[in-house]
Amino acid sequence: MTTRRWQVLTLLALFAGLALLAVGYWGAWLPHRAAGLNILGIDLPEYVKFVPEVQSGSIAFDRLVFFAPLLALAVGLILVGTLKRPPLPAWLRVILVLLALPVALAMLPPAWTPPLLRTPEFRTQTIWIGVIVILIIASPLLRRFLPDLLRGMIVVGVAVLVVPALAAYLRLLPALARLYAQPVQPGAAFYLVAAGAGCLAIGGVLLAANNLPLRSRAPGVTIPAEEGNGTA
């Protein structure tokens, strides 16, 4: 496979992963005919606090796990927006990096105030928002100094972060079925998030593989002379 095709596949996987994560997280993980009973992925970190089994401790998990797809999306946007190879247009890189800001701010609690963000319940997600903001500010440095090999490995890591959120939701389904007094199944958005994490992981693997040292590269994958020097 030529380097150009390899790079196109990498970009397709990365962009598909980001798009599916976004659509899925803002979609209905538990759809219902009544719009007010739909549970969106973005609602889960707050919603689970009111599930009786979670309140009683019979289902024990940290509600913050449901922020994992949001973290993966925000960090993924920054990593893709600071790619070295293949080079993206400057305007697209800026848009991708800046989109990480509203994604991070989606972690803010409802009706938040600065004092509320410092309370133990919301401190962790406040720290996460701060880290994303720092990464956005540092994005020019990430583009200049973060090797794409390491970038690809980090992309795989943030994709794996989504798995505990999916597993936690499946554990929550029996409690939701009792709450709704009817059988429930994961909505299409749940599977979109899973597919997004998978695409993001594939993109990360391709990105890392395309930037392996030349001696360890798979046969048939070549780097043109002007691309092999690793310059931005």
Protein backbone atom coordinates (compact mmCIF):
# COMPACT_ATOMS: atom_id res chain seq x y z
CA MET A 1 0.00 0.00 0.00
CA THR A 2 1.39 3.41 -0.93
CA THR A 3 1.98 6.04 1.71
CA ARG A 4 -0.66 8.32 0.20
CA ARG A 5 -3.38 5.68 0.45
CA TRP A 6 -2.25 4.79 3.95
CA GLN A 7 -2.58 8.43 4.98
CA VAL A 8 -6.04 8.74 3.40
CA LEU A 9 -7.23 5.66 5.31
CA THR A 10 -5.77 7.11 8.51
CA LEU A 11 -7.62 10.40 8.07
CA LEU A 12 -10.87 8.65 7.17
CA ALA A 13 -10.68 6.50 10.30
CA LEU A 14 -9.80 9.45 12.56
CA PHE A 15 -12.48 11.78 11.22
CA ALA A 16 -15.09 9.01 11.22
CA GLY A 17 -14.22 8.25 14.84
CA LEU A 18 -14.58 11.86 15.92
CA ALA A 19 -17.86 12.35 14.04
CA LEU A 20 -19.42 9.14 15.39
CA LEU A 21 -18.38 9.99 18.96
CA ALA A 22 -19.98 13.42 18.69
CA VAL A 23 -23.23 12.22 17.09
CA GLY A 24 -23.50 9.27 19.45
CA TYR A 25 -22.77 11.15 22.66
CA TRP A 26 -25.43 13.77 21.90
CA GLY A 27 -27.85 11.06 20.76
CA ALA A 28 -30.32 8.95 22.73
CA TRP A 29 -28.68 6.03 24.53
CA LEU A 30 -32.12 5.07 25.77
CA PRO A 31 -34.75 6.18 23.25
CA HIS A 32 -38.41 6.57 24.23
CA ARG A 33 -41.57 7.62 22.43
CA ALA A 34 -41.93 10.46 24.93
CA ALA A 35 -39.15 12.95 24.21
CA GLY A 36 -38.81 13.82 27.89
CA LEU A 37 -37.95 10.19 28.72
CA ASN A 38 -35.11 9.94 26.23
CA ILE A 39 -31.74 9.58 27.93
CA LEU A 40 -28.94 11.18 25.94
CA GLY A 41 -25.32 10.22 26.44
CA ILE A 42 -24.53 13.73 27.62
CA ASP A 43 -27.28 13.43 30.28
CA LEU A 44 -25.91 10.27 31.88
CA PRO A 45 -23.32 11.78 34.28
CA GLU A 46 -26.12 13.69 36.05
CA TYR A 47 -29.00 11.30 35.37
CA VAL A 48 -27.42 8.28 37.07
CA LYS A 49 -27.34 10.12 40.41
CA PHE A 50 -31.12 9.75 40.57
CA VAL A 51 -31.33 6.04 39.71
CA PRO A 52 -32.44 4.28 42.94
CA GLU A 53 -29.93 1.42 42.65
CA VAL A 54 -27.09 3.91 42.23
CA GLN A 55 -28.29 5.97 45.19
CA SER A 56 -28.49 2.86 47.39
CA GLY A 57 -25.06 1.65 46.27
CA SER A 58 -26.34 -1.67 44.86
CA ILE A 59 -24.90 -0.54 41.52
CA ALA A 60 -21.51 0.93 42.33
CA PHE A 61 -19.60 2.94 39.77
CA ASP A 62 -18.32 6.46 39.40
CA ARG A 63 -20.72 8.65 37.41
CA LEU A 64 -17.69 10.42 35.93
CA VAL A 65 -17.09 7.36 33.75
CA PHE A 66 -19.80 8.71 31.43
CA PHE A 67 -17.61 11.71 30.64
CA ALA A 68 -15.07 9.38 28.97
CA PRO A 69 -16.53 9.71 25.44
CA LEU A 70 -16.46 13.50 25.86
CA LEU A 71 -12.83 13.42 26.98
CA ALA A 72 -11.91 11.12 24.09
CA LEU A 73 -13.63 13.49 21.65
CA ALA A 74 -11.96 16.63 23.03
CA VAL A 75 -8.46 15.12 23.17
CA GLY A 76 -8.99 13.45 19.80
CA LEU A 77 -9.91 16.76 18.18
CA ILE A 78 -6.72 18.36 19.53
CA LEU A 79 -4.51 15.44 18.45
CA VAL A 80 -5.95 15.30 14.94
CA GLY A 81 -5.85 19.09 14.69
CA THR A 82 -2.11 19.06 15.42
CA LEU A 83 -1.17 16.28 12.99
CA LYS A 84 2.12 16.63 11.17
CA ARG A 85 1.61 14.03 8.43
CA PRO A 86 -0.53 14.13 6.44
CA PRO A 87 -0.58 17.93 6.70
CA LEU A 88 -4.06 19.41 7.07
CA PRO A 89 -5.05 22.89 5.86
CA ALA A 90 -4.36 25.51 8.52
CA TRP A 91 -8.02 26.56 8.70
CA LEU A 92 -9.11 22.96 9.32
CA ARG A 93 -6.49 22.48 12.04
CA VAL A 94 -7.69 25.63 13.82
CA ILE A 95 -11.33 24.54 13.64
CA LEU A 96 -10.58 21.08 14.99
CA VAL A 97 -8.58 22.38 17.93
CA LEU A 98 -11.09 25.11 18.80
CA LEU A 99 -13.99 22.63 18.67
CA ALA A 100 -12.40 20.92 21.67
CA LEU A 101 -13.39 23.92 23.82
CA PRO A 102 -17.20 23.60 23.56
CA VAL A 103 -16.78 19.83 23.91
CA ALA A 104 -14.88 20.33 27.16
CA LEU A 105 -17.38 22.92 28.42
CA ALA A 106 -20.13 20.33 27.94
CA MET A 107 -18.75 18.77 31.14
CA LEU A 108 -19.98 21.76 33.16
CA PRO A 109 -22.81 20.84 35.57
CA PRO A 110 -26.29 22.33 35.10
CA ALA A 111 -26.74 25.81 36.58
CA TRP A 112 -23.07 25.94 37.55
CA THR A 113 -21.35 28.69 39.49
CA PRO A 114 -17.62 29.14 40.19
CA PRO A 115 -18.01 28.07 43.85
CA LEU A 116 -19.93 24.96 42.74
CA LEU A 117 -17.06 23.91 40.47
CA ARG A 118 -14.72 23.82 43.46
CA THR A 119 -16.88 21.39 45.44
CA PRO A 120 -15.65 17.76 45.71
CA GLU A 121 -18.49 16.49 43.51
CA PHE A 122 -17.52 18.61 40.52
CA ARG A 123 -13.81 19.20 41.14
CA THR A 124 -12.59 16.35 38.93
CA GLN A 125 -14.55 17.41 35.86
CA THR A 126 -13.42 21.00 36.45
CA ILE A 127 -9.82 19.80 36.38
CA TRP A 128 -10.50 17.92 33.15
CA ILE A 129 -11.92 21.06 31.56
CA GLY A 130 -8.82 22.97 32.67
CA VAL A 131 -6.52 20.33 31.16
CA ILE A 132 -8.35 20.52 27.82
CA VAL A 133 -8.05 24.32 27.82
CA ILE A 134 -4.30 24.03 28.50
CA LEU A 135 -3.92 21.53 25.64
CA ILE A 136 -5.79 23.91 23.30
CA ILE A 137 -3.45 26.76 24.24
CA ALA A 138 -0.43 24.47 23.85
CA SER A 139 -1.60 23.06 20.50
CA PRO A 140 1.13 24.86 18.47
CA LEU A 141 3.72 23.16 20.69
CA LEU A 142 1.97 19.81 20.32
CA ARG A 143 2.12 20.13 16.55
CA ARG A 144 5.79 21.07 16.64
CA PHE A 145 7.15 18.66 19.24
CA LEU A 146 4.76 15.68 19.57
CA PRO A 147 5.86 12.91 17.16
CA ASP A 148 3.04 11.38 15.14
CA LEU A 149 4.12 7.92 16.30
CA LEU A 150 3.43 8.91 19.90
CA ARG A 151 0.33 10.84 18.80
CA GLY A 152 -1.10 7.68 17.26
CA MET A 153 -0.47 5.72 20.45
CA ILE A 154 -2.23 8.40 22.50
CA VAL A 155 -5.20 8.33 20.12
CA VAL A 156 -5.53 4.59 20.73
CA GLY A 157 -5.36 5.25 24.46
CA VAL A 158 -8.15 7.84 24.47
CA ALA A 159 -10.29 5.52 22.32
CA VAL A 160 -9.90 2.77 24.91
CA LEU A 161 -11.12 5.24 27.57
CA VAL A 162 -14.61 4.94 26.07
CA VAL A 163 -14.93 1.22 26.84
CA PRO A 164 -15.63 1.60 30.61
CA ALA A 165 -18.46 4.04 29.84
CA LEU A 166 -20.09 1.53 27.49
CA ALA A 167 -19.67 -1.26 30.02
CA ALA A 168 -21.11 0.91 32.83
CA TYR A 169 -24.18 1.70 30.74
CA LEU A 170 -24.82 -1.98 30.08
CA ARG A 171 -24.64 -2.60 33.84
CA LEU A 172 -27.15 0.20 34.34
CA LEU A 173 -29.74 -1.16 31.87
CA PRO A 174 -31.53 -3.56 34.30
CA ALA A 175 -32.06 -0.67 36.75
CA LEU A 176 -33.40 1.52 33.95
CA ALA A 177 -35.76 -1.26 32.90
CA ARG A 178 -37.18 -1.37 36.43
CA LEU A 179 -37.41 2.41 36.48
CA TYR A 180 -39.28 2.48 33.16
CA ALA A 181 -41.32 -0.63 34.02
CA GLN A 182 -40.55 -2.13 30.62
CA PRO A 183 -37.68 -3.86 28.83
CA VAL A 184 -35.09 -1.42 27.49
CA GLN A 185 -32.29 -1.76 24.97
CA PRO A 186 -29.37 0.50 24.12
CA GLY A 187 -30.29 3.06 21.49
CA ALA A 188 -28.50 3.50 18.19
CA ALA A 189 -26.41 6.32 19.68
CA PHE A 190 -24.80 3.85 22.10
CA TYR A 191 -23.55 1.81 19.16
CA LEU A 192 -22.43 4.95 17.33
CA VAL A 193 -20.19 5.82 20.26
CA ALA A 194 -18.81 2.27 20.28
CA ALA A 195 -18.17 2.49 16.53
CA GLY A 196 -16.57 5.90 16.98
CA ALA A 197 -14.17 4.56 19.58
CA GLY A 198 -13.32 1.67 17.26
CA CYS A 199 -12.67 3.96 14.28
CA LEU A 200 -10.57 6.26 16.44
CA ALA A 201 -8.50 3.32 17.67
CA ILE A 202 -7.99 2.08 14.09
CA GLY A 203 -6.94 5.57 13.03
CA GLY A 204 -4.47 5.73 15.90
CA VAL A 205 -2.96 2.37 14.96
CA LEU A 206 -2.63 3.42 11.31
CA LEU A 207 -1.08 6.74 12.32
CA ALA A 208 1.44 5.04 14.57
CA ALA A 209 2.24 2.34 12.00
CA ASN A 210 2.76 4.95 9.28
CA ASN A 211 5.37 6.65 11.46
CA LEU A 212 7.34 3.62 12.57
CA PRO A 213 11.09 3.70 11.87
CA LEU A 214 11.68 2.71 8.25
CA ARG A 215 13.37 -0.61 9.09
CA SER A 216 10.36 -1.87 11.06
CA ARG A 217 7.76 -0.70 8.53
CA ALA A 218 5.62 -3.29 6.79
CA PRO A 219 6.68 -4.17 3.23
CA GLY A 220 5.08 -1.98 0.58
CA VAL A 221 4.70 1.08 2.80
CA THR A 222 7.11 3.76 1.61
CA ILE A 223 7.74 7.35 2.59
CA PRO A 224 8.60 9.92 -0.06
CA ALA A 225 11.88 11.71 0.55
CA GLU A 226 10.22 15.02 1.35
CA GLU A 227 7.99 13.36 3.99
CA GLY A 228 10.60 11.22 5.64
CA ASN A 229 12.42 14.03 7.38
CA GLY A 230 9.62 14.56 9.95
CA THR A 231 9.58 18.33 9.57
CA ALA A 232 6.34 20.24 10.17
